[in-house]
Amino acid sequence: MSQGLTIIVSIVVVLTFVLAIGRKFKISSRYERKPRTLNSWSALDKGIDPTEEIQS
């Protein structure tokens, strides 16, 4: 029983440590990319109709 409890406590400590480091350094945000220009696909996502001509 005590060996199982030790394993569970160890797993919780390791997961807490990994999540704390991940939040501090924001590792996942390195791989998120935003489009540099507004193309027809991203315009549709923002509700802009790309078939309408833009009047300057």
PDB file of N, CA and C in Angstrom:
ATOM      1  N   MET A   1       0.814  -1.198   0.000  1.00  0.00           N
ATOM      2  CA  MET A   1       0.000   0.000   0.000  1.00  0.00           C
ATOM      3  C   MET A   1       0.856   1.260   0.000  1.00  0.00           C
ATOM      4  N   SER A   2       1.908   1.271   0.807  1.00  0.00           N
ATOM      5  CA  SER A   2       2.749   2.460   0.895  1.00  0.00           C
ATOM      6  C   SER A   2       3.554   2.666  -0.391  1.00  0.00           C
ATOM      7  N   GLN A   3       3.897   1.576  -1.089  1.00  0.00           N
ATOM      8  CA  GLN A   3       4.629   1.707  -2.342  1.00  0.00           C
ATOM      9  C   GLN A   3       3.738   2.339  -3.416  1.00  0.00           C
ATOM     10  N   GLY A   4       2.479   1.964  -3.467  1.00  0.00           N
ATOM     11  CA  GLY A   4       1.538   2.560  -4.418  1.00  0.00           C
ATOM     12  C   GLY A   4       1.314   4.031  -4.130  1.00  0.00           C
ATOM     13  N   LEU A   5       1.216   4.379  -2.849  1.00  0.00           N
ATOM     14  CA  LEU A   5       1.048   5.775  -2.453  1.00  0.00           C
ATOM     15  C   LEU A   5       2.276   6.592  -2.833  1.00  0.00           C
ATOM     16  N   THR A   6       3.456   6.022  -2.660  1.00  0.00           N
ATOM     17  CA  THR A   6       4.694   6.703  -3.036  1.00  0.00           C
ATOM     18  C   THR A   6       4.743   6.967  -4.536  1.00  0.00           C
ATOM     19  N   ILE A   7       4.310   6.007  -5.325  1.00  0.00           N
ATOM     20  CA  ILE A   7       4.303   6.177  -6.779  1.00  0.00           C
ATOM     21  C   ILE A   7       3.325   7.266  -7.193  1.00  0.00           C
ATOM     22  N   ILE A   8       2.140   7.275  -6.601  1.00  0.00           N
ATOM     23  CA  ILE A   8       1.132   8.296  -6.932  1.00  0.00           C
ATOM     24  C   ILE A   8       1.617   9.684  -6.545  1.00  0.00           C
ATOM     25  N   VAL A   9       2.211   9.816  -5.372  1.00  0.00           N
ATOM     26  CA  VAL A   9       2.735  11.115  -4.936  1.00  0.00           C
ATOM     27  C   VAL A   9       3.861  11.559  -5.859  1.00  0.00           C
ATOM     28  N   SER A  10       4.711  10.647  -6.276  1.00  0.00           N
ATOM     29  CA  SER A  10       5.811  10.992  -7.189  1.00  0.00           C
ATOM     30  C   SER A  10       5.263  11.475  -8.534  1.00  0.00           C
ATOM     31  N   ILE A  11       4.250  10.813  -9.041  1.00  0.00           N
ATOM     32  CA  ILE A  11       3.653  11.216 -10.319  1.00  0.00           C
ATOM     33  C   ILE A  11       3.041  12.605 -10.209  1.00  0.00           C
ATOM     34  N   VAL A  12       2.349  12.871  -9.109  1.00  0.00           N
ATOM     35  CA  VAL A  12       1.739  14.191  -8.909  1.00  0.00           C
ATOM     36  C   VAL A  12       2.810  15.272  -8.827  1.00  0.00           C
ATOM     37  N   VAL A  13       3.898  15.012  -8.120  1.00  0.00           N
ATOM     38  CA  VAL A  13       4.983  15.995  -8.000  1.00  0.00           C
ATOM     39  C   VAL A  13       5.622  16.262  -9.355  1.00  0.00           C
ATOM     40  N   VAL A  14       5.879  15.224 -10.127  1.00  0.00           N
ATOM     41  CA  VAL A  14       6.503  15.394 -11.446  1.00  0.00           C
ATOM     42  C   VAL A  14       5.569  16.158 -12.385  1.00  0.00           C
ATOM     43  N   LEU A  15       4.293  15.818 -12.402  1.00  0.00           N
ATOM     44  CA  LEU A  15       3.342  16.535 -13.266  1.00  0.00           C
ATOM     45  C   LEU A  15       3.221  18.001 -12.875  1.00  0.00           C
ATOM     46  N   THR A  16       3.198  18.273 -11.589  1.00  0.00           N
ATOM     47  CA  THR A  16       3.141  19.661 -11.125  1.00  0.00           C
ATOM     48  C   THR A  16       4.384  20.430 -11.561  1.00  0.00           C
ATOM     49  N   PHE A  17       5.537  19.807 -11.447  1.00  0.00           N
ATOM     50  CA  PHE A  17       6.796  20.435 -11.855  1.00  0.00           C
ATOM     51  C   PHE A  17       6.804  20.718 -13.359  1.00  0.00           C
ATOM     52  N   VAL A  18       6.367  19.752 -14.161  1.00  0.00           N
ATOM     53  CA  VAL A  18       6.355  19.921 -15.616  1.00  0.00           C
ATOM     54  C   VAL A  18       5.383  21.020 -16.026  1.00  0.00           C
ATOM     55  N   LEU A  19       4.197  21.047 -15.429  1.00  0.00           N
ATOM     56  CA  LEU A  19       3.228  22.088 -15.760  1.00  0.00           C
ATOM     57  C   LEU A  19       3.714  23.471 -15.338  1.00  0.00           C
ATOM     58  N   ALA A  20       4.386  23.565 -14.197  1.00  0.00           N
ATOM     59  CA  ALA A  20       4.915  24.854 -13.742  1.00  0.00           C
ATOM     60  C   ALA A  20       5.983  25.371 -14.701  1.00  0.00           C
ATOM     61  N   ILE A  21       6.861  24.498 -15.142  1.00  0.00           N
ATOM     62  CA  ILE A  21       7.900  24.918 -16.093  1.00  0.00           C
ATOM     63  C   ILE A  21       7.275  25.291 -17.438  1.00  0.00           C
ATOM     64  N   GLY A  22       6.290  24.530 -17.883  1.00  0.00           N
ATOM     65  CA  GLY A  22       5.629  24.832 -19.149  1.00  0.00           C
ATOM     66  C   GLY A  22       4.942  26.182 -19.138  1.00  0.00           C
ATOM     67  N   ARG A  23       4.342  26.531 -18.025  1.00  0.00           N
ATOM     68  CA  ARG A  23       3.676  27.842 -17.930  1.00  0.00           C
ATOM     69  C   ARG A  23       4.686  28.979 -17.831  1.00  0.00           C
ATOM     70  N   LYS A  24       5.781  28.733 -17.151  1.00  0.00           N
ATOM     71  CA  LYS A  24       6.781  29.790 -16.965  1.00  0.00           C
ATOM     72  C   LYS A  24       7.451  30.152 -18.293  1.00  0.00           C
ATOM     73  N   PHE A  25       7.826  29.160 -19.071  1.00  0.00           N
ATOM     74  CA  PHE A  25       8.551  29.416 -20.306  1.00  0.00           C
ATOM     75  C   PHE A  25       7.645  29.486 -21.524  1.00  0.00           C
ATOM     76  N   LYS A  26       6.376  29.115 -21.382  1.00  0.00           N
ATOM     77  CA  LYS A  26       5.403  29.125 -22.478  1.00  0.00           C
ATOM     78  C   LYS A  26       5.975  28.431 -23.708  1.00  0.00           C
ATOM     79  N   ILE A  27       6.380  27.209 -23.535  1.00  0.00           N
ATOM     80  CA  ILE A  27       7.029  26.442 -24.590  1.00  0.00           C
ATOM     81  C   ILE A  27       6.110  26.255 -25.799  1.00  0.00           C
ATOM     82  N   SER A  28       4.828  26.010 -25.561  1.00  0.00           N
ATOM     83  CA  SER A  28       3.927  25.734 -26.674  1.00  0.00           C
ATOM     84  C   SER A  28       3.700  26.957 -27.553  1.00  0.00           C
ATOM     85  N   SER A  29       3.864  28.167 -27.030  1.00  0.00           N
ATOM     86  CA  SER A  29       3.613  29.360 -27.837  1.00  0.00           C
ATOM     87  C   SER A  29       4.670  29.561 -28.927  1.00  0.00           C
ATOM     88  N   ARG A  30       5.809  28.896 -28.825  1.00  0.00           N
ATOM     89  CA  ARG A  30       6.833  29.019 -29.866  1.00  0.00           C
ATOM     90  C   ARG A  30       6.341  28.481 -31.201  1.00  0.00           C
ATOM     91  N   TYR A  31       5.482  27.489 -31.142  1.00  0.00           N
ATOM     92  CA  TYR A  31       5.070  26.798 -32.349  1.00  0.00           C
ATOM     93  C   TYR A  31       3.759  27.329 -32.921  1.00  0.00           C
ATOM     94  N   GLU A  32       3.120  28.246 -32.234  1.00  0.00           N
ATOM     95  CA  GLU A  32       1.898  28.840 -32.746  1.00  0.00           C
ATOM     96  C   GLU A  32       2.271  29.972 -33.691  1.00  0.00           C
ATOM     97  N   ARG A  33       1.700  29.935 -34.873  1.00  0.00           N
ATOM     98  CA  ARG A  33       2.030  30.956 -35.863  1.00  0.00           C
ATOM     99  C   ARG A  33       0.777  31.695 -36.282  1.00  0.00           C
ATOM    100  N   LYS A  34       0.913  32.969 -36.524  1.00  0.00           N
ATOM    101  CA  LYS A  34      -0.192  33.790 -36.998  1.00  0.00           C
ATOM    102  C   LYS A  34       0.113  34.168 -38.448  1.00  0.00           C
ATOM    103  N   PRO A  35      -0.913  34.261 -39.284  1.00  0.00           N
ATOM    104  CA  PRO A  35      -0.653  34.657 -40.671  1.00  0.00           C
ATOM    105  C   PRO A  35      -0.117  36.090 -40.740  1.00  0.00           C
ATOM    106  N   ARG A  36       0.872  36.274 -41.571  1.00  0.00           N
ATOM    107  CA  ARG A  36       1.483  37.604 -41.689  1.00  0.00           C
ATOM    108  C   ARG A  36       0.625  38.559 -42.507  1.00  0.00           C
ATOM    109  N   THR A  37      -0.042  38.038 -43.521  1.00  0.00           N
ATOM    110  CA  THR A  37      -0.895  38.874 -44.347  1.00  0.00           C
ATOM    111  C   THR A  37      -2.307  38.309 -44.332  1.00  0.00           C
ATOM    112  N   LEU A  38      -3.263  39.154 -44.644  1.00  0.00           N
ATOM    113  CA  LEU A  38      -4.654  38.734 -44.683  1.00  0.00           C
ATOM    114  C   LEU A  38      -4.950  38.191 -46.075  1.00  0.00           C
ATOM    115  N   ASN A  39      -4.984  36.871 -46.187  1.00  0.00           N
ATOM    116  CA  ASN A  39      -5.315  36.270 -47.476  1.00  0.00           C
ATOM    117  C   ASN A  39      -6.804  35.931 -47.498  1.00  0.00           C
ATOM    118  N   SER A  40      -7.279  35.350 -48.600  1.00  0.00           N
ATOM    119  CA  SER A  40      -8.710  35.104 -48.721  1.00  0.00           C
ATOM    120  C   SER A  40      -9.212  34.102 -47.688  1.00  0.00           C
ATOM    121  N   TRP A  41      -8.371  33.142 -47.303  1.00  0.00           N
ATOM    122  CA  TRP A  41      -8.807  32.162 -46.308  1.00  0.00           C
ATOM    123  C   TRP A  41      -8.943  32.802 -44.934  1.00  0.00           C
ATOM    124  N   SER A  42      -7.965  33.595 -44.527  1.00  0.00           N
ATOM    125  CA  SER A  42      -8.064  34.231 -43.218  1.00  0.00           C
ATOM    126  C   SER A  42      -9.105  35.342 -43.220  1.00  0.00           C
ATOM    127  N   ALA A  43      -9.359  35.941 -44.373  1.00  0.00           N
ATOM    128  CA  ALA A  43     -10.410  36.953 -44.458  1.00  0.00           C
ATOM    129  C   ALA A  43     -11.773  36.312 -44.197  1.00  0.00           C
ATOM    130  N   LEU A  44     -11.993  35.123 -44.728  1.00  0.00           N
ATOM    131  CA  LEU A  44     -13.247  34.419 -44.481  1.00  0.00           C
ATOM    132  C   LEU A  44     -13.403  34.087 -43.004  1.00  0.00           C
ATOM    133  N   ASP A  45     -12.307  33.748 -42.330  1.00  0.00           N
ATOM    134  CA  ASP A  45     -12.369  33.451 -40.903  1.00  0.00           C
ATOM    135  C   ASP A  45     -12.779  34.671 -40.095  1.00  0.00           C
ATOM    136  N   LYS A  46     -12.419  35.854 -40.564  1.00  0.00           N
ATOM    137  CA  LYS A  46     -12.745  37.080 -39.850  1.00  0.00           C
ATOM    138  C   LYS A  46     -14.057  37.689 -40.322  1.00  0.00           C
ATOM    139  N   GLY A  47     -14.764  37.020 -41.233  1.00  0.00           N
ATOM    140  CA  GLY A  47     -16.059  37.500 -41.696  1.00  0.00           C
ATOM    141  C   GLY A  47     -15.976  38.489 -42.838  1.00  0.00           C
ATOM    142  N   ILE A  48     -14.844  38.590 -43.493  1.00  0.00           N
ATOM    143  CA  ILE A  48     -14.667  39.510 -44.612  1.00  0.00           C
ATOM    144  C   ILE A  48     -14.890  38.742 -45.902  1.00  0.00           C
ATOM    145  N   ASP A  49     -15.710  39.281 -46.793  1.00  0.00           N
ATOM    146  CA  ASP A  49     -15.975  38.620 -48.069  1.00  0.00           C
ATOM    147  C   ASP A  49     -14.858  38.979 -49.040  1.00  0.00           C
ATOM    148  N   PRO A  50     -14.013  38.018 -49.446  1.00  0.00           N
ATOM    149  CA  PRO A  50     -12.881  38.340 -50.313  1.00  0.00           C
ATOM    150  C   PRO A  50     -13.299  38.629 -51.753  1.00  0.00           C
ATOM    151  N   THR A  51     -14.559  38.378 -52.116  1.00  0.00           N
ATOM    152  CA  THR A  51     -14.996  38.645 -53.483  1.00  0.00           C
ATOM    153  C   THR A  51     -15.335  40.099 -53.684  1.00  0.00           C
ATOM    154  N   GLU A  52     -15.585  40.835 -52.609  1.00  0.00           N
ATOM    155  CA  GLU A  52     -15.876  42.261 -52.738  1.00  0.00           C
ATOM    156  C   GLU A  52     -14.575  43.012 -52.959  1.00  0.00           C
ATOM    157  N   GLU A  53     -14.601  43.959 -53.880  1.00  0.00           N
ATOM    158  CA  GLU A  53     -13.402  44.754 -54.131  1.00  0.00           C
ATOM    159  C   GLU A  53     -13.239  45.806 -53.044  1.00  0.00           C
ATOM    160  N   ILE A  54     -12.000  46.007 -52.643  1.00  0.00           N
ATOM    161  CA  ILE A  54     -11.709  47.009 -51.633  1.00  0.00           C
ATOM    162  C   ILE A  54     -11.550  48.356 -52.325  1.00  0.00           C
ATOM    163  N   GLN A  55     -12.344  49.331 -51.891  1.00  0.00           N
ATOM    164  CA  GLN A  55     -12.275  50.662 -52.510  1.00  0.00           C
ATOM    165  C   GLN A  55     -11.325  51.532 -51.718  1.00  0.00           C
ATOM    166  N   SER A  56     -10.368  52.131 -52.413  1.00  0.00           N
ATOM    167  CA  SER A  56      -9.385  52.971 -51.734  1.00  0.00           C
ATOM    168  C   SER A  56      -9.710  54.421 -51.915  1.00  0.00           C
TER     169      SER A  56
END
